[in-house]
N, C-alpha and C. Protein backbone atom coordinates (compact mmCIF):
# COMPACT_ATOMS: atom_id res chain seq x y z
N MET A 1 -109.64 167.49 118.04
CA MET A 1 -109.84 166.37 118.92
C MET A 1 -108.95 166.57 120.14
N GLY A 2 -109.49 166.39 121.36
CA GLY A 2 -108.75 166.59 122.59
C GLY A 2 -107.79 165.44 122.86
N ARG A 3 -106.80 165.73 123.67
CA ARG A 3 -105.84 164.67 124.00
C ARG A 3 -106.35 163.85 125.18
N LEU A 4 -105.92 162.63 125.27
CA LEU A 4 -106.26 161.77 126.40
C LEU A 4 -105.34 162.11 127.56
N PRO A 5 -105.83 162.00 128.79
CA PRO A 5 -104.95 162.29 129.92
C PRO A 5 -103.85 161.24 130.03
N SER A 6 -102.70 161.68 130.53
CA SER A 6 -101.60 160.74 130.75
C SER A 6 -101.97 159.80 131.89
N VAL A 7 -101.17 158.77 132.08
CA VAL A 7 -101.43 157.80 133.14
C VAL A 7 -101.47 158.50 134.50
N SER A 8 -100.51 159.38 134.76
CA SER A 8 -100.48 160.04 136.06
C SER A 8 -101.70 160.95 136.24
N GLU A 9 -102.15 161.61 135.16
CA GLU A 9 -103.36 162.44 135.24
C GLU A 9 -104.59 161.57 135.50
N SER A 10 -104.65 160.39 134.88
CA SER A 10 -105.77 159.48 135.10
C SER A 10 -105.81 159.01 136.54
N GLU A 11 -104.63 158.66 137.08
CA GLU A 11 -104.57 158.23 138.48
C GLU A 11 -105.02 159.35 139.40
N GLU A 12 -104.61 160.58 139.08
CA GLU A 12 -104.98 161.73 139.90
C GLU A 12 -106.49 161.95 139.86
N LEU A 13 -107.10 161.77 138.69
CA LEU A 13 -108.54 161.92 138.57
C LEU A 13 -109.28 160.88 139.40
N MET A 14 -108.75 159.65 139.45
CA MET A 14 -109.40 158.60 140.23
C MET A 14 -109.30 158.88 141.73
N LEU A 15 -108.29 159.60 142.16
CA LEU A 15 -108.11 159.89 143.58
C LEU A 15 -108.94 161.09 144.04
N MET A 16 -109.45 161.85 143.09
CA MET A 16 -110.26 163.02 143.47
C MET A 16 -111.57 162.56 144.09
N PRO A 17 -112.11 163.35 145.04
CA PRO A 17 -113.39 162.98 145.65
C PRO A 17 -114.48 162.87 144.59
N GLN A 18 -115.28 161.83 144.70
CA GLN A 18 -116.32 161.58 143.71
C GLN A 18 -117.67 162.16 144.13
N SER A 19 -117.83 162.50 145.40
CA SER A 19 -119.12 162.94 145.88
C SER A 19 -119.07 164.40 146.32
N PRO A 20 -119.91 165.25 145.72
CA PRO A 20 -119.92 166.65 146.14
C PRO A 20 -120.46 166.82 147.56
N ILE A 21 -121.20 165.84 148.07
CA ILE A 21 -121.76 165.93 149.42
C ILE A 21 -120.64 166.03 150.45
N THR A 22 -119.59 165.27 150.27
CA THR A 22 -118.50 165.27 151.26
C THR A 22 -117.82 166.63 151.31
N GLU A 23 -117.75 167.33 150.21
CA GLU A 23 -117.08 168.60 150.18
C GLU A 23 -117.82 169.65 151.00
N ASN A 24 -119.12 169.52 151.16
CA ASN A 24 -119.92 170.49 151.91
C ASN A 24 -119.87 170.24 153.41
N ARG A 25 -119.34 169.13 153.84
CA ARG A 25 -119.31 168.80 155.26
C ARG A 25 -118.17 169.54 155.94
N SER A 26 -118.34 169.75 157.25
CA SER A 26 -117.34 170.50 158.00
C SER A 26 -116.22 169.62 158.53
N GLY A 27 -116.27 168.35 158.27
CA GLY A 27 -115.23 167.43 158.73
C GLY A 27 -115.69 166.01 158.52
N PRO A 28 -114.81 165.05 158.83
CA PRO A 28 -115.16 163.65 158.61
C PRO A 28 -116.28 163.18 159.53
N ARG A 29 -117.02 162.20 159.05
CA ARG A 29 -118.06 161.55 159.85
C ARG A 29 -117.54 160.20 160.27
N TYR A 30 -117.88 159.83 161.50
CA TYR A 30 -117.43 158.56 162.03
C TYR A 30 -118.63 157.67 162.28
N VAL A 31 -118.52 156.41 161.89
CA VAL A 31 -119.58 155.44 162.14
C VAL A 31 -119.46 155.01 163.60
N ALA A 32 -120.47 155.39 164.39
CA ALA A 32 -120.48 155.05 165.82
C ALA A 32 -121.92 155.05 166.30
N SER A 33 -122.21 154.13 167.18
CA SER A 33 -123.57 153.98 167.68
C SER A 33 -123.64 154.41 169.14
N PHE A 34 -124.32 155.53 169.38
CA PHE A 34 -124.63 155.98 170.73
C PHE A 34 -126.15 155.94 170.87
N PRO A 35 -126.68 155.47 171.99
CA PRO A 35 -128.13 155.57 172.19
C PRO A 35 -128.53 157.04 172.29
N VAL A 36 -129.70 157.37 171.72
CA VAL A 36 -130.20 158.75 171.77
C VAL A 36 -131.69 158.76 172.11
N ARG A 37 -132.12 159.91 172.62
CA ARG A 37 -133.54 160.17 172.81
C ARG A 37 -133.80 161.55 172.20
N ALA A 38 -134.72 161.59 171.24
CA ALA A 38 -135.09 162.85 170.58
C ALA A 38 -136.48 163.25 171.03
N GLU A 39 -136.66 164.55 171.32
CA GLU A 39 -137.97 165.07 171.73
C GLU A 39 -138.29 166.30 170.91
N TRP A 40 -139.56 166.39 170.50
CA TRP A 40 -140.03 167.55 169.76
C TRP A 40 -141.54 167.64 169.89
N ASP A 41 -142.07 168.81 169.52
CA ASP A 41 -143.51 169.03 169.53
C ASP A 41 -144.01 169.09 168.09
N THR A 42 -145.14 168.44 167.84
CA THR A 42 -145.74 168.48 166.51
C THR A 42 -146.47 169.80 166.33
N ASN A 43 -146.92 170.07 165.11
CA ASN A 43 -147.69 171.29 164.84
C ASN A 43 -149.00 171.31 165.62
N ASP A 44 -149.49 170.12 165.99
CA ASP A 44 -150.72 170.01 166.77
C ASP A 44 -150.47 170.16 168.26
N GLY A 45 -149.21 170.37 168.65
CA GLY A 45 -148.89 170.53 170.07
C GLY A 45 -148.66 169.23 170.82
N VAL A 46 -148.55 168.12 170.11
CA VAL A 46 -148.30 166.83 170.74
C VAL A 46 -146.79 166.70 170.97
N HIS A 47 -146.41 166.32 172.19
CA HIS A 47 -145.00 166.14 172.53
C HIS A 47 -144.60 164.70 172.20
N ILE A 48 -143.58 164.56 171.35
CA ILE A 48 -143.10 163.23 170.91
C ILE A 48 -141.75 162.95 171.57
N VAL A 49 -141.59 161.74 172.07
CA VAL A 49 -140.31 161.26 172.57
C VAL A 49 -139.99 159.98 171.80
N ALA A 50 -138.85 159.96 171.12
CA ALA A 50 -138.47 158.80 170.31
C ALA A 50 -137.07 158.34 170.69
N GLU A 51 -136.92 157.03 170.84
CA GLU A 51 -135.63 156.43 171.17
C GLU A 51 -134.96 155.95 169.88
N GLY A 52 -133.65 155.92 169.90
CA GLY A 52 -132.93 155.42 168.74
C GLY A 52 -131.44 155.38 169.00
N GLU A 53 -130.67 155.53 167.90
CA GLU A 53 -129.21 155.52 168.03
C GLU A 53 -128.60 156.28 166.86
N THR A 54 -127.37 156.72 167.07
CA THR A 54 -126.66 157.39 165.99
C THR A 54 -126.18 156.36 164.98
N ASP A 55 -126.18 156.75 163.71
CA ASP A 55 -125.61 155.90 162.66
C ASP A 55 -124.21 156.39 162.31
N ASN A 56 -124.07 157.71 162.19
CA ASN A 56 -122.75 158.30 162.01
C ASN A 56 -122.77 159.69 162.63
N ILE A 57 -121.58 160.17 162.95
CA ILE A 57 -121.46 161.42 163.69
C ILE A 57 -120.42 162.31 163.02
N GLY A 58 -120.81 163.55 162.78
CA GLY A 58 -119.90 164.55 162.24
C GLY A 58 -119.60 165.61 163.28
N PRO A 59 -118.73 166.56 162.97
CA PRO A 59 -118.34 167.58 163.94
C PRO A 59 -119.47 168.56 164.28
N GLU A 60 -120.51 168.61 163.45
CA GLU A 60 -121.60 169.55 163.70
C GLU A 60 -122.97 168.90 163.65
N GLY A 61 -123.02 167.56 163.61
CA GLY A 61 -124.32 166.92 163.55
C GLY A 61 -124.20 165.41 163.48
N THR A 62 -125.36 164.78 163.25
CA THR A 62 -125.40 163.33 163.25
C THR A 62 -126.55 162.83 162.40
N LEU A 63 -126.43 161.61 161.95
CA LEU A 63 -127.52 160.90 161.31
C LEU A 63 -128.00 159.89 162.35
N ILE A 64 -129.29 159.98 162.71
CA ILE A 64 -129.81 159.09 163.74
C ILE A 64 -130.91 158.20 163.17
N HIS A 65 -130.99 157.01 163.73
CA HIS A 65 -132.06 156.07 163.40
C HIS A 65 -133.03 156.11 164.58
N LEU A 66 -134.29 156.41 164.31
CA LEU A 66 -135.32 156.41 165.34
C LEU A 66 -136.25 155.23 165.11
N GLN A 67 -136.66 154.61 166.20
CA GLN A 67 -137.42 153.37 166.10
C GLN A 67 -138.85 153.58 165.61
N ARG A 68 -139.43 154.78 165.81
CA ARG A 68 -140.80 154.94 165.33
C ARG A 68 -141.02 156.25 164.62
N ASP A 69 -141.19 157.35 165.32
CA ASP A 69 -141.53 158.63 164.69
C ASP A 69 -140.29 159.36 164.18
N LEU A 70 -140.49 160.18 163.15
CA LEU A 70 -139.46 161.06 162.66
C LEU A 70 -139.94 162.51 162.78
N PRO A 71 -139.08 163.40 163.22
CA PRO A 71 -139.47 164.81 163.26
C PRO A 71 -139.49 165.39 161.85
N PRO A 72 -140.31 166.42 161.60
CA PRO A 72 -140.35 167.01 160.26
C PRO A 72 -139.09 167.82 159.94
N VAL A 73 -138.76 167.89 158.66
CA VAL A 73 -137.62 168.68 158.20
C VAL A 73 -137.84 170.15 158.62
N GLY A 74 -136.79 170.76 159.13
CA GLY A 74 -136.85 172.15 159.55
C GLY A 74 -137.21 172.32 161.02
N SER A 75 -137.68 171.26 161.65
CA SER A 75 -138.06 171.38 163.05
C SER A 75 -136.83 171.31 163.95
N ARG A 76 -137.04 171.70 165.20
CA ARG A 76 -135.98 171.62 166.19
C ARG A 76 -136.28 170.49 167.15
N VAL A 77 -135.24 169.76 167.51
CA VAL A 77 -135.41 168.66 168.45
C VAL A 77 -134.43 168.83 169.60
N SER A 78 -134.83 168.34 170.75
CA SER A 78 -133.92 168.22 171.88
C SER A 78 -133.35 166.82 171.78
N LEU A 79 -132.04 166.73 171.65
CA LEU A 79 -131.39 165.44 171.46
C LEU A 79 -130.52 165.13 172.67
N LEU A 80 -130.82 164.01 173.29
CA LEU A 80 -130.03 163.53 174.41
C LEU A 80 -129.18 162.37 173.91
N VAL A 81 -127.86 162.51 174.04
CA VAL A 81 -126.93 161.44 173.66
C VAL A 81 -126.50 160.76 174.95
N LEU A 82 -126.63 159.43 174.96
CA LEU A 82 -126.30 158.65 176.15
C LEU A 82 -124.97 157.94 175.97
N GLY A 83 -124.23 157.83 177.06
CA GLY A 83 -122.98 157.09 177.06
C GLY A 83 -123.10 155.90 177.99
N ASP A 84 -122.00 155.25 178.26
CA ASP A 84 -122.00 154.09 179.14
C ASP A 84 -122.46 154.43 180.56
N ASP A 85 -122.19 155.66 180.98
CA ASP A 85 -122.53 156.07 182.35
C ASP A 85 -123.76 156.97 182.41
N GLY A 86 -124.64 156.89 181.41
CA GLY A 86 -125.84 157.73 181.42
C GLY A 86 -125.72 158.88 180.45
N GLU A 87 -126.22 160.06 180.85
CA GLU A 87 -126.27 161.21 179.96
C GLU A 87 -124.88 161.70 179.60
N LYS A 88 -124.62 161.78 178.28
CA LYS A 88 -123.35 162.29 177.78
C LYS A 88 -123.49 163.77 177.43
N LEU A 89 -124.54 164.11 176.67
CA LEU A 89 -124.73 165.49 176.25
C LEU A 89 -126.16 165.68 175.77
N ARG A 90 -126.71 166.86 176.08
CA ARG A 90 -128.04 167.24 175.59
C ARG A 90 -127.86 168.49 174.75
N VAL A 91 -128.37 168.45 173.50
CA VAL A 91 -128.24 169.58 172.58
C VAL A 91 -129.56 169.85 171.88
N VAL A 92 -129.67 171.02 171.29
CA VAL A 92 -130.78 171.33 170.41
C VAL A 92 -130.25 171.21 168.99
N ALA A 93 -131.02 170.55 168.12
CA ALA A 93 -130.58 170.33 166.75
C ALA A 93 -131.72 170.62 165.79
N GLU A 94 -131.38 170.96 164.57
CA GLU A 94 -132.36 171.19 163.51
C GLU A 94 -132.34 170.00 162.56
N VAL A 95 -133.52 169.59 162.13
CA VAL A 95 -133.65 168.46 161.20
C VAL A 95 -133.38 168.97 159.78
N LEU A 96 -132.32 168.46 159.16
CA LEU A 96 -131.95 168.87 157.81
C LEU A 96 -132.65 168.06 156.74
N ARG A 97 -132.79 166.75 157.00
CA ARG A 97 -133.49 165.87 156.06
C ARG A 97 -133.89 164.61 156.80
N ILE A 98 -134.82 163.88 156.19
CA ILE A 98 -135.23 162.59 156.76
C ILE A 98 -135.20 161.54 155.67
N GLU A 99 -135.01 160.30 156.09
CA GLU A 99 -135.05 159.14 155.20
C GLU A 99 -136.19 158.27 155.70
N ARG A 100 -137.23 158.13 154.92
CA ARG A 100 -138.41 157.39 155.35
C ARG A 100 -138.35 155.92 154.97
N ASN A 101 -137.22 155.30 155.12
CA ASN A 101 -137.07 153.87 154.87
C ASN A 101 -137.81 153.13 155.98
N PRO A 102 -138.86 152.36 155.67
CA PRO A 102 -139.64 151.70 156.72
C PRO A 102 -138.80 150.80 157.62
N ALA A 103 -137.76 150.20 157.09
CA ALA A 103 -136.92 149.31 157.90
C ALA A 103 -135.90 150.07 158.74
N HIS A 104 -135.57 151.30 158.34
CA HIS A 104 -134.51 152.03 159.03
C HIS A 104 -134.72 153.54 158.88
N PRO A 105 -135.79 154.10 159.49
CA PRO A 105 -136.04 155.54 159.35
C PRO A 105 -134.94 156.37 160.02
N GLN A 106 -134.48 157.41 159.31
CA GLN A 106 -133.37 158.22 159.80
C GLN A 106 -133.67 159.70 159.67
N ALA A 107 -133.02 160.48 160.54
CA ALA A 107 -133.08 161.93 160.48
C ALA A 107 -131.67 162.48 160.55
N ALA A 108 -131.34 163.40 159.65
CA ALA A 108 -130.05 164.08 159.68
C ALA A 108 -130.22 165.36 160.49
N LEU A 109 -129.41 165.51 161.54
CA LEU A 109 -129.55 166.63 162.46
C LEU A 109 -128.29 167.48 162.47
N GLN A 110 -128.48 168.80 162.54
CA GLN A 110 -127.37 169.73 162.71
C GLN A 110 -127.49 170.35 164.09
N VAL A 111 -126.42 170.26 164.86
CA VAL A 111 -126.40 170.80 166.22
C VAL A 111 -126.41 172.32 166.15
N LEU A 112 -127.26 172.95 166.95
CA LEU A 112 -127.34 174.40 167.03
C LEU A 112 -126.68 174.83 168.34
N GLY A 113 -125.61 175.61 168.26
CA GLY A 113 -124.87 175.96 169.48
C GLY A 113 -124.21 174.72 170.03
N SER A 114 -123.55 174.81 171.16
CA SER A 114 -122.93 173.67 171.85
C SER A 114 -122.02 172.84 170.94
N THR A 115 -121.52 173.42 169.85
CA THR A 115 -120.73 172.61 168.92
C THR A 115 -119.38 172.22 169.52
N ASP A 116 -118.80 173.06 170.38
CA ASP A 116 -117.53 172.67 171.01
C ASP A 116 -117.74 171.46 171.91
N GLU A 117 -118.82 171.48 172.69
CA GLU A 117 -119.13 170.35 173.56
C GLU A 117 -119.42 169.12 172.72
N TRP A 118 -120.17 169.31 171.63
CA TRP A 118 -120.50 168.20 170.73
C TRP A 118 -119.23 167.55 170.20
N ARG A 119 -118.31 168.40 169.70
CA ARG A 119 -117.06 167.85 169.13
C ARG A 119 -116.25 167.11 170.20
N GLY A 120 -116.16 167.68 171.39
CA GLY A 120 -115.33 167.08 172.43
C GLY A 120 -115.95 165.84 173.06
N LEU A 121 -117.25 165.85 173.29
CA LEU A 121 -117.88 164.75 174.02
C LEU A 121 -118.49 163.67 173.14
N VAL A 122 -118.82 164.00 171.91
CA VAL A 122 -119.50 163.02 171.06
C VAL A 122 -118.66 162.68 169.82
N TRP A 123 -118.31 163.69 169.03
CA TRP A 123 -117.61 163.45 167.77
C TRP A 123 -116.25 162.79 168.00
N GLU A 124 -115.45 163.33 168.92
CA GLU A 124 -114.13 162.75 169.16
C GLU A 124 -114.24 161.35 169.76
N GLU A 125 -115.23 161.12 170.61
CA GLU A 125 -115.42 159.77 171.16
C GLU A 125 -115.88 158.81 170.08
N ALA A 126 -116.63 159.31 169.10
CA ALA A 126 -117.06 158.46 167.98
C ALA A 126 -115.84 157.96 167.21
N LEU A 127 -114.84 158.82 167.02
CA LEU A 127 -113.61 158.39 166.35
C LEU A 127 -112.93 157.29 167.17
N ILE A 128 -112.87 157.46 168.48
CA ILE A 128 -112.25 156.45 169.35
C ILE A 128 -113.00 155.13 169.23
N LYS A 129 -114.34 155.19 169.31
CA LYS A 129 -115.14 153.96 169.21
C LYS A 129 -114.93 153.28 167.86
N MET A 130 -114.91 154.07 166.79
CA MET A 130 -114.75 153.51 165.46
C MET A 130 -113.37 152.87 165.32
N THR A 131 -112.33 153.54 165.84
CA THR A 131 -110.97 153.01 165.78
C THR A 131 -110.86 151.71 166.57
N GLU A 132 -111.45 151.68 167.76
CA GLU A 132 -111.43 150.46 168.58
C GLU A 132 -112.14 149.31 167.86
N ALA A 133 -113.27 149.61 167.23
CA ALA A 133 -114.02 148.58 166.50
C ALA A 133 -113.20 148.04 165.34
N GLU A 134 -112.50 148.92 164.62
CA GLU A 134 -111.65 148.48 163.51
C GLU A 134 -110.51 147.62 164.01
N GLU A 135 -109.91 147.99 165.16
CA GLU A 135 -108.81 147.20 165.72
C GLU A 135 -109.32 145.83 166.15
N ASP A 136 -110.50 145.78 166.76
CA ASP A 136 -111.09 144.50 167.14
C ASP A 136 -111.32 143.63 165.92
N TYR A 137 -111.81 144.24 164.84
CA TYR A 137 -112.06 143.50 163.60
C TYR A 137 -110.74 142.97 163.03
N ASP A 138 -109.71 143.81 163.04
CA ASP A 138 -108.40 143.40 162.50
C ASP A 138 -107.77 142.29 163.33
N ASP A 139 -108.07 142.23 164.65
CA ASP A 139 -107.49 141.22 165.53
C ASP A 139 -108.18 139.87 165.42
N ASP A 140 -109.36 139.81 164.82
CA ASP A 140 -110.07 138.54 164.70
C ASP A 140 -109.27 137.55 163.89
N ASP A 141 -109.26 136.28 164.35
CA ASP A 141 -108.58 135.22 163.59
C ASP A 141 -109.55 134.62 162.59
N TYR A 142 -109.05 134.35 161.41
CA TYR A 142 -109.91 133.75 160.38
C TYR A 142 -109.38 132.41 160.02
């Protein structure tokens, strides 16, 4: 019969990451909403333009919510990220997966090339936006 872990071992086990998905990521994801425009061509040659926003942003990609169409998994999209002053960054990304939730359709995108620009102009600003939002929340009087 095996021994039970000590209290300190139990505490250590509870602190270990519970999700293998996080271990495969290249860095933390930040919850931040930037307006986006995604463009791609269908297999039939139809050019699709879809508006939406980011749900969360990682150092090499993003999860976006699109208001109507979703690009197919494996396809490439031109993604325009907008800031307060207009165009922030335009990148090419590959669709890793899609979530076909009728109320909130999403596509997970991995940026191809331009990752330094992505990290500097989008990912790092997402951390700033998320931190500011948390500070605003903490400052609210209840």
